[in-house]
Amino acid sequence: MSKTIALIAHDGKKPEMVAFVKDHQDLLEHANLIATGTTGSYVRKTGLPVELKLSGPMGGDAQIAALAAEGKVDGIIFFRDPLGKHAHEPDIQMLMR
C-alpha cells in the first residue's frame, strides 16, 4: 500500500522543495503526494502527480493538518521559513502540533 506524503513549502523555500523532490523522485514516485496549492503546482513541474489542496493562506495548511489528525497522511515534509511573516500563522502552528 502506498504511503501518503504531504508537501508544504513557504514561498522562499519552494525552489528548495522542488530540488528535494527531484533528488528523491525515485522514492516519492511510489507515494501518494498531496500538497498545498502553490507548492503542489511547483512540484507538478517535476512530472510527479500531486493532489492539490488550497494554498496555505487560503486554508491548505489546515486541510493537511486535518488529514494528519484523521490518520490519512503518513508524513509531512514542510520547508518552513521561520523568519517570514505569515498571515495564516495559526494554521501553521496547528500543523506543527
N, C-alpha and C. Protein backbone atom coordinates (compact mmCIF):
# COMPACT_ATOMS: atom_id res chain seq x y z
N MET A 1 0.84 -1.18 0.00
CA MET A 1 0.00 0.00 0.00
C MET A 1 0.89 1.25 0.00
N SER A 2 0.57 2.20 -0.84
CA SER A 2 1.35 3.43 -0.94
C SER A 2 1.13 4.32 0.27
N LYS A 3 2.19 5.00 0.65
CA LYS A 3 2.11 5.98 1.72
C LYS A 3 1.62 7.30 1.14
N THR A 4 0.95 8.09 1.96
CA THR A 4 0.52 9.43 1.56
C THR A 4 1.43 10.43 2.24
N ILE A 5 2.06 11.26 1.43
CA ILE A 5 3.00 12.25 1.93
C ILE A 5 2.52 13.63 1.50
N ALA A 6 2.48 14.54 2.47
CA ALA A 6 2.08 15.93 2.20
C ALA A 6 3.34 16.78 2.05
N LEU A 7 3.30 17.68 1.09
CA LEU A 7 4.42 18.59 0.82
C LEU A 7 3.95 20.03 1.00
N ILE A 8 4.70 20.78 1.80
CA ILE A 8 4.37 22.19 2.05
C ILE A 8 5.67 22.96 2.04
N ALA A 9 5.68 24.11 1.39
CA ALA A 9 6.87 24.96 1.41
C ALA A 9 6.44 26.42 1.38
N HIS A 10 6.99 27.20 2.28
CA HIS A 10 6.74 28.64 2.23
C HIS A 10 7.36 29.21 0.96
N ASP A 11 6.92 30.40 0.57
CA ASP A 11 7.31 30.97 -0.72
C ASP A 11 8.82 30.96 -0.96
N GLY A 12 9.60 31.38 0.02
CA GLY A 12 11.05 31.43 -0.16
C GLY A 12 11.72 30.07 -0.20
N LYS A 13 10.97 29.03 0.11
CA LYS A 13 11.51 27.68 0.18
C LYS A 13 11.04 26.77 -0.96
N LYS A 14 10.19 27.29 -1.84
CA LYS A 14 9.64 26.45 -2.91
C LYS A 14 10.73 25.90 -3.84
N PRO A 15 11.74 26.70 -4.23
CA PRO A 15 12.81 26.11 -5.05
C PRO A 15 13.54 24.97 -4.33
N GLU A 16 13.73 25.10 -3.02
CA GLU A 16 14.36 24.03 -2.26
C GLU A 16 13.49 22.78 -2.25
N MET A 17 12.18 22.95 -2.16
CA MET A 17 11.27 21.80 -2.18
C MET A 17 11.36 21.09 -3.52
N VAL A 18 11.36 21.84 -4.61
CA VAL A 18 11.45 21.23 -5.93
C VAL A 18 12.77 20.46 -6.06
N ALA A 19 13.86 21.05 -5.58
CA ALA A 19 15.16 20.36 -5.62
C ALA A 19 15.11 19.08 -4.79
N PHE A 20 14.49 19.15 -3.62
CA PHE A 20 14.35 17.98 -2.75
C PHE A 20 13.57 16.87 -3.46
N VAL A 21 12.45 17.26 -4.07
CA VAL A 21 11.62 16.28 -4.76
C VAL A 21 12.40 15.65 -5.91
N LYS A 22 13.13 16.44 -6.67
CA LYS A 22 13.93 15.89 -7.78
C LYS A 22 14.99 14.93 -7.25
N ASP A 23 15.63 15.31 -6.13
CA ASP A 23 16.68 14.46 -5.55
C ASP A 23 16.13 13.14 -5.01
N HIS A 24 14.85 13.13 -4.63
CA HIS A 24 14.24 11.94 -4.04
C HIS A 24 13.09 11.39 -4.88
N GLN A 25 13.08 11.74 -6.16
CA GLN A 25 11.98 11.36 -7.04
C GLN A 25 11.79 9.85 -7.10
N ASP A 26 12.87 9.08 -7.04
CA ASP A 26 12.75 7.63 -7.12
C ASP A 26 11.96 7.06 -5.94
N LEU A 27 12.00 7.71 -4.80
CA LEU A 27 11.21 7.28 -3.64
C LEU A 27 9.81 7.87 -3.66
N LEU A 28 9.72 9.15 -4.01
CA LEU A 28 8.43 9.84 -3.95
C LEU A 28 7.45 9.40 -5.03
N GLU A 29 7.97 8.86 -6.13
CA GLU A 29 7.06 8.43 -7.20
C GLU A 29 6.21 7.23 -6.78
N HIS A 30 6.57 6.58 -5.69
CA HIS A 30 5.79 5.45 -5.19
C HIS A 30 4.79 5.86 -4.11
N ALA A 31 4.75 7.14 -3.79
CA ALA A 31 3.85 7.65 -2.75
C ALA A 31 2.69 8.40 -3.39
N ASN A 32 1.61 8.53 -2.63
CA ASN A 32 0.52 9.42 -3.00
C ASN A 32 0.89 10.79 -2.44
N LEU A 33 1.12 11.75 -3.30
CA LEU A 33 1.54 13.07 -2.87
C LEU A 33 0.35 14.02 -2.83
N ILE A 34 0.28 14.79 -1.75
CA ILE A 34 -0.66 15.89 -1.66
C ILE A 34 0.16 17.12 -1.27
N ALA A 35 -0.34 18.28 -1.60
CA ALA A 35 0.42 19.50 -1.31
C ALA A 35 -0.52 20.68 -1.25
N THR A 36 -0.05 21.72 -0.56
CA THR A 36 -0.77 22.98 -0.62
C THR A 36 -0.68 23.46 -2.08
N GLY A 37 -1.64 24.29 -2.46
CA GLY A 37 -1.83 24.63 -3.87
C GLY A 37 -0.61 25.12 -4.63
N THR A 38 0.03 26.14 -4.13
CA THR A 38 1.15 26.72 -4.86
C THR A 38 2.35 25.77 -4.84
N THR A 39 2.64 25.19 -3.69
CA THR A 39 3.74 24.23 -3.61
C THR A 39 3.50 23.08 -4.57
N GLY A 40 2.28 22.56 -4.58
CA GLY A 40 1.95 21.45 -5.47
C GLY A 40 2.11 21.79 -6.94
N SER A 41 1.77 23.03 -7.31
CA SER A 41 1.93 23.41 -8.72
C SER A 41 3.41 23.44 -9.11
N TYR A 42 4.27 23.81 -8.19
CA TYR A 42 5.71 23.75 -8.45
C TYR A 42 6.18 22.31 -8.55
N VAL A 43 5.73 21.46 -7.63
CA VAL A 43 6.15 20.07 -7.60
C VAL A 43 5.67 19.33 -8.85
N ARG A 44 4.51 19.66 -9.35
CA ARG A 44 4.00 19.02 -10.57
C ARG A 44 4.95 19.20 -11.75
N LYS A 45 5.73 20.26 -11.74
CA LYS A 45 6.68 20.50 -12.83
C LYS A 45 7.78 19.44 -12.88
N THR A 46 7.91 18.65 -11.81
CA THR A 46 8.88 17.55 -11.80
C THR A 46 8.33 16.34 -12.54
N GLY A 47 7.05 16.36 -12.87
CA GLY A 47 6.41 15.25 -13.55
C GLY A 47 5.66 14.31 -12.62
N LEU A 48 5.77 14.53 -11.32
CA LEU A 48 5.06 13.68 -10.37
C LEU A 48 3.62 14.16 -10.20
N PRO A 49 2.68 13.22 -10.09
CA PRO A 49 1.30 13.63 -9.83
C PRO A 49 1.15 14.07 -8.38
N VAL A 50 0.44 15.16 -8.18
CA VAL A 50 0.24 15.72 -6.85
C VAL A 50 -1.21 16.17 -6.73
N GLU A 51 -1.86 15.76 -5.65
CA GLU A 51 -3.21 16.24 -5.36
C GLU A 51 -3.08 17.60 -4.69
N LEU A 52 -3.69 18.61 -5.27
CA LEU A 52 -3.58 19.96 -4.74
C LEU A 52 -4.70 20.26 -3.75
N LYS A 53 -4.32 20.82 -2.63
CA LYS A 53 -5.25 21.39 -1.66
C LYS A 53 -5.24 22.90 -1.88
N LEU A 54 -5.92 23.63 -1.04
CA LEU A 54 -5.90 25.10 -1.15
C LEU A 54 -4.48 25.60 -0.88
N SER A 55 -4.20 26.81 -1.30
CA SER A 55 -2.91 27.40 -0.95
C SER A 55 -2.88 27.59 0.56
N GLY A 56 -1.69 27.68 1.13
CA GLY A 56 -1.56 27.82 2.59
C GLY A 56 -2.40 28.94 3.18
N PRO A 57 -2.28 30.16 2.64
CA PRO A 57 -3.05 31.27 3.21
C PRO A 57 -4.56 31.12 3.07
N MET A 58 -4.99 30.28 2.14
CA MET A 58 -6.43 30.07 1.92
C MET A 58 -6.96 28.87 2.69
N GLY A 59 -6.12 28.21 3.48
CA GLY A 59 -6.57 27.09 4.29
C GLY A 59 -5.94 25.75 4.00
N GLY A 60 -5.00 25.72 3.07
CA GLY A 60 -4.36 24.45 2.71
C GLY A 60 -3.59 23.80 3.85
N ASP A 61 -2.91 24.62 4.67
CA ASP A 61 -2.20 24.06 5.83
C ASP A 61 -3.20 23.39 6.77
N ALA A 62 -4.34 24.03 6.98
CA ALA A 62 -5.37 23.47 7.86
C ALA A 62 -5.96 22.19 7.27
N GLN A 63 -6.14 22.15 5.94
CA GLN A 63 -6.66 20.94 5.31
C GLN A 63 -5.71 19.77 5.55
N ILE A 64 -4.42 20.02 5.38
CA ILE A 64 -3.44 18.95 5.56
C ILE A 64 -3.35 18.56 7.04
N ALA A 65 -3.42 19.55 7.93
CA ALA A 65 -3.41 19.24 9.37
C ALA A 65 -4.60 18.35 9.74
N ALA A 66 -5.76 18.64 9.16
CA ALA A 66 -6.95 17.82 9.44
C ALA A 66 -6.76 16.39 8.93
N LEU A 67 -6.20 16.24 7.75
CA LEU A 67 -5.94 14.90 7.22
C LEU A 67 -4.96 14.14 8.11
N ALA A 68 -3.94 14.85 8.60
CA ALA A 68 -2.97 14.22 9.51
C ALA A 68 -3.65 13.79 10.80
N ALA A 69 -4.51 14.65 11.34
CA ALA A 69 -5.21 14.32 12.58
C ALA A 69 -6.12 13.10 12.41
N GLU A 70 -6.65 12.93 11.20
CA GLU A 70 -7.53 11.79 10.90
C GLU A 70 -6.74 10.53 10.55
N GLY A 71 -5.40 10.63 10.54
CA GLY A 71 -4.57 9.48 10.20
C GLY A 71 -4.53 9.18 8.72
N LYS A 72 -4.87 10.15 7.88
CA LYS A 72 -4.90 9.93 6.44
C LYS A 72 -3.61 10.37 5.74
N VAL A 73 -2.65 10.87 6.51
CA VAL A 73 -1.36 11.28 5.98
C VAL A 73 -0.29 10.53 6.76
N ASP A 74 0.63 9.91 6.06
CA ASP A 74 1.69 9.15 6.71
C ASP A 74 2.90 10.00 7.07
N GLY A 75 3.06 11.12 6.39
CA GLY A 75 4.18 12.01 6.68
C GLY A 75 3.98 13.36 6.04
N ILE A 76 4.61 14.36 6.63
CA ILE A 76 4.54 15.72 6.11
C ILE A 76 5.97 16.24 5.97
N ILE A 77 6.28 16.74 4.80
CA ILE A 77 7.57 17.39 4.57
C ILE A 77 7.26 18.88 4.43
N PHE A 78 7.76 19.66 5.37
CA PHE A 78 7.41 21.08 5.46
C PHE A 78 8.71 21.89 5.44
N PHE A 79 8.93 22.62 4.36
CA PHE A 79 10.06 23.53 4.27
C PHE A 79 9.54 24.89 4.71
N ARG A 80 9.84 25.22 5.94
CA ARG A 80 9.28 26.39 6.60
C ARG A 80 10.27 27.53 6.62
N ASP A 81 9.78 28.73 6.46
CA ASP A 81 10.59 29.94 6.61
C ASP A 81 10.22 30.58 7.95
N PRO A 82 10.98 30.28 9.00
CA PRO A 82 10.60 30.77 10.32
C PRO A 82 10.76 32.28 10.48
N LEU A 83 11.49 32.92 9.58
CA LEU A 83 11.68 34.36 9.68
C LEU A 83 10.64 35.16 8.91
N GLY A 84 9.91 34.49 8.02
CA GLY A 84 8.89 35.18 7.24
C GLY A 84 7.65 35.46 8.06
N LYS A 85 6.91 36.48 7.66
CA LYS A 85 5.63 36.78 8.29
C LYS A 85 4.54 36.08 7.50
N HIS A 86 3.68 35.38 8.21
CA HIS A 86 2.64 34.60 7.56
C HIS A 86 1.30 34.92 8.22
N ALA A 87 0.39 35.45 7.42
CA ALA A 87 -0.93 35.81 7.95
C ALA A 87 -1.67 34.61 8.49
N HIS A 88 -1.33 33.43 7.99
CA HIS A 88 -2.01 32.21 8.41
C HIS A 88 -1.18 31.44 9.45
N GLU A 89 -0.45 32.17 10.28
CA GLU A 89 0.40 31.55 11.32
C GLU A 89 -0.37 30.59 12.23
N PRO A 90 -1.62 30.88 12.63
CA PRO A 90 -2.35 29.89 13.45
C PRO A 90 -2.49 28.53 12.76
N ASP A 91 -2.71 28.54 11.44
CA ASP A 91 -2.80 27.28 10.70
C ASP A 91 -1.46 26.55 10.71
N ILE A 92 -0.39 27.31 10.58
CA ILE A 92 0.95 26.72 10.59
C ILE A 92 1.24 26.08 11.94
N GLN A 93 0.87 26.79 13.01
CA GLN A 93 1.09 26.26 14.35
C GLN A 93 0.26 24.98 14.57
N MET A 94 -0.96 24.97 14.05
CA MET A 94 -1.81 23.79 14.17
C MET A 94 -1.15 22.62 13.44
N LEU A 95 -0.60 22.88 12.29
CA LEU A 95 0.07 21.85 11.51
C LEU A 95 1.30 21.32 12.24
N MET A 96 2.04 22.21 12.86
CA MET A 96 3.25 21.82 13.58
C MET A 96 2.91 20.92 14.78
N ARG A 97 1.76 21.14 15.39
CA ARG A 97 1.35 20.29 16.53
C ARG A 97 1.02 18.91 16.02
